[in-house]
Protein backbone atom coordinates (compact mmCIF):
# COMPACT_ATOMS: atom_id res chain seq x y z
CA MET A 1 0.00 0.00 0.00
CA PHE A 2 1.11 3.51 -0.74
CA ASN A 3 -0.05 6.87 0.65
CA LEU A 4 1.65 9.78 -1.12
CA VAL A 5 0.19 13.19 -1.97
CA VAL A 6 1.90 15.89 -4.02
CA LEU A 7 0.14 19.26 -4.21
CA THR A 8 0.85 22.78 -5.40
CA GLY A 9 -1.45 25.57 -4.34
CA ARG A 10 -1.85 28.94 -2.66
CA LEU A 11 -2.28 29.45 1.08
CA THR A 12 -5.76 30.70 1.91
CA ALA A 13 -4.62 32.43 5.13
CA ASP A 14 -1.44 33.18 7.04
CA PRO A 15 -0.24 30.04 8.84
CA GLU A 16 -0.09 30.36 12.62
CA LEU A 17 2.42 28.45 14.73
CA ARG A 18 0.96 26.72 17.78
CA TYR A 19 2.34 24.28 20.32
CA THR A 20 0.87 21.13 21.84
CA SER A 21 0.90 20.67 25.61
CA GLY A 22 4.16 18.74 25.03
CA ASN A 23 5.65 21.89 23.40
CA ILE A 24 5.69 20.37 19.89
CA PRO A 25 5.33 23.01 17.14
CA VAL A 26 2.38 22.50 14.78
CA THR A 27 0.56 24.54 12.19
CA SER A 28 -2.58 23.80 10.24
CA PHE A 29 -3.57 25.71 7.14
CA SER A 30 -5.38 25.20 3.88
CA ILE A 31 -4.32 25.66 0.30
CA ALA A 32 -6.42 26.33 -2.78
CA VAL A 33 -5.60 23.85 -5.55
CA SER A 34 -6.93 24.38 -9.06
CA ARG A 35 -9.05 21.62 -10.51
CA ARG A 36 -8.86 20.77 -14.19
CA TYR A 37 -11.77 22.06 -16.21
CA LYS A 38 -12.88 22.15 -19.82
CA ALA A 39 -12.65 25.19 -22.06
CA GLY A 40 -15.62 27.48 -21.49
CA GLU A 41 -16.23 26.24 -17.94
CA GLU A 42 -15.61 28.33 -14.86
CA ALA A 43 -12.34 27.63 -13.04
CA GLN A 44 -12.76 25.55 -9.90
CA ALA A 45 -10.61 25.00 -6.83
CA ASP A 46 -10.43 22.50 -4.01
CA PHE A 47 -9.43 23.63 -0.54
CA ILE A 48 -7.13 21.10 1.08
CA ASN A 49 -6.33 21.07 4.81
CA ILE A 50 -2.64 20.67 5.61
CA VAL A 51 -0.92 19.95 8.94
CA ALA A 52 2.82 20.46 9.46
CA TRP A 53 4.71 19.41 12.58
CA ARG A 54 7.98 20.39 14.26
CA GLN A 55 10.61 22.04 11.99
CA THR A 56 8.31 21.87 8.98
CA ALA A 57 5.70 23.88 10.90
CA GLU A 58 8.32 26.46 11.89
CA PHE A 59 9.55 26.70 8.28
CA VAL A 60 6.05 27.24 6.87
CA THR A 61 5.09 29.91 9.40
CA LYS A 62 8.38 31.75 8.92
CA TYR A 63 8.49 31.87 5.12
CA PHE A 64 4.90 31.60 3.82
CA GLN A 65 1.87 33.86 4.06
CA LYS A 66 -1.62 34.15 2.60
CA GLY A 67 -1.43 33.92 -1.19
CA SER A 68 2.02 32.29 -1.28
CA MET A 69 2.37 29.42 -3.73
CA ILE A 70 3.62 26.31 -1.91
CA GLY A 71 4.57 22.80 -2.97
CA ILE A 72 3.73 20.03 -0.52
CA GLU A 73 4.60 16.35 -0.40
CA GLY A 74 2.97 14.31 2.31
CA SER A 75 0.35 11.71 3.13
CA ILE A 76 -3.39 11.73 3.72
CA GLN A 77 -4.49 11.07 7.26
CA THR A 78 -7.94 10.74 8.76
CA ARG A 79 -8.70 11.86 12.28
CA ARG A 80 -11.90 11.10 14.20
CA TYR A 81 -13.25 13.47 16.80
CA VAL A 82 -16.48 14.47 18.53
CA ASP A 83 -17.91 17.83 17.47
CA LYS A 84 -18.09 19.91 20.67
CA GLU A 85 -21.17 21.84 19.47
CA THR A 86 -23.31 18.94 18.26
CA GLY A 87 -21.76 15.98 20.08
CA LYS A 88 -21.66 14.05 16.80
CA ASN A 89 -18.75 11.95 15.59
CA ARG A 90 -16.82 13.58 12.74
CA THR A 91 -13.93 12.62 10.50
CA ALA A 92 -11.32 15.09 9.30
CA PHE A 93 -9.20 14.42 6.22
CA GLU A 94 -5.83 16.16 6.25
CA VAL A 95 -2.53 16.06 4.43
CA ILE A 96 0.42 15.68 6.79
CA ALA A 97 3.25 17.64 5.17
CA ASN A 98 6.60 15.87 5.06
CA ASN A 99 8.27 18.18 2.56
CA VAL A 100 7.41 21.77 1.63
CA GLN A 101 9.03 24.00 -0.94
CA PHE A 102 8.79 27.37 -2.62
CA VAL A 103 7.14 27.32 -6.03
CA GLU A 104 7.54 30.99 -7.00
CA SER A 105 10.52 33.26 -7.14
CA LYS A 106 10.67 36.86 -5.97
CA ARG A 107 10.49 38.19 -9.53
CA ASP A 108 7.21 36.32 -10.11
CA GLY A 109 5.62 39.12 -8.09
CA ALA A 110 4.46 36.84 -5.33
CA ALA A 111 5.17 37.09 -1.66
CA ALA A 112 8.87 36.27 -1.68
CA PRO A 113 10.76 34.21 0.86
CA MET A 114 13.37 35.90 2.96
CA ALA A 115 16.90 35.97 1.55
CA ASP A 116 18.15 33.39 4.06
CA ALA A 117 15.38 30.90 3.31
CA PRO A 118 16.37 27.48 1.98
CA ALA A 119 14.63 26.36 -1.22
CA SER A 120 12.67 23.69 0.64
CA PHE A 121 12.36 21.85 3.92
CA SER A 122 12.04 18.12 4.33
CA ASN A 123 11.60 15.85 7.31
CA ALA A 124 13.31 13.09 5.33
CA GLY A 125 15.98 12.65 7.99
CA ALA A 126 13.49 12.67 10.83
CA ASN A 127 11.58 9.73 12.20
CA GLU A 128 8.99 8.61 9.71
CA PHE A 129 6.30 8.25 12.33
CA THR A 130 5.17 10.85 14.84
CA ASP A 131 4.73 9.44 18.34
CA LEU A 132 1.72 11.20 19.77
CA SER A 133 0.88 8.46 22.26
CA GLY A 134 0.89 10.98 25.10
CA GLU A 135 -1.32 13.43 23.20
CA THR A 136 -5.11 13.55 23.14
CA ASP A 137 -7.42 15.41 20.75
CA ASP A 138 -7.80 18.05 23.47
CA ASP A 139 -4.05 18.76 23.23
CA LEU A 140 -4.24 19.62 19.54
CA PRO A 141 -4.66 23.33 18.78
CA PHE A 142 -7.22 22.75 16.00
């Protein structure tokens, strides 16, 4: 089995860095991704929820803002929770970002990364799995 997602899109809002009760950095944000359409049809977009942890979260919040084009490689994850307002069980579908990168350059007229920014950030050297055994849904900032 294989779970790999590669997306390119624009951030719909400024990412905000938060911390779990265990002081682990995390950010959640969404990106607008264009959907293919036929000539004469109105352009359509899907809004995909992304979660980045640890150094990836810090990288995203430091170098990206609303409207920035971002490339993301990650995996789809489902998360079950109880809606606090209705008490009903819900399922969230998210992309867990393992690698993020800039897609535009400064001369493209987009929000440009700072001069000291690396071209991309990858958790490739980090542990493949995130141990959240001590965390509960109440610890998550979203």
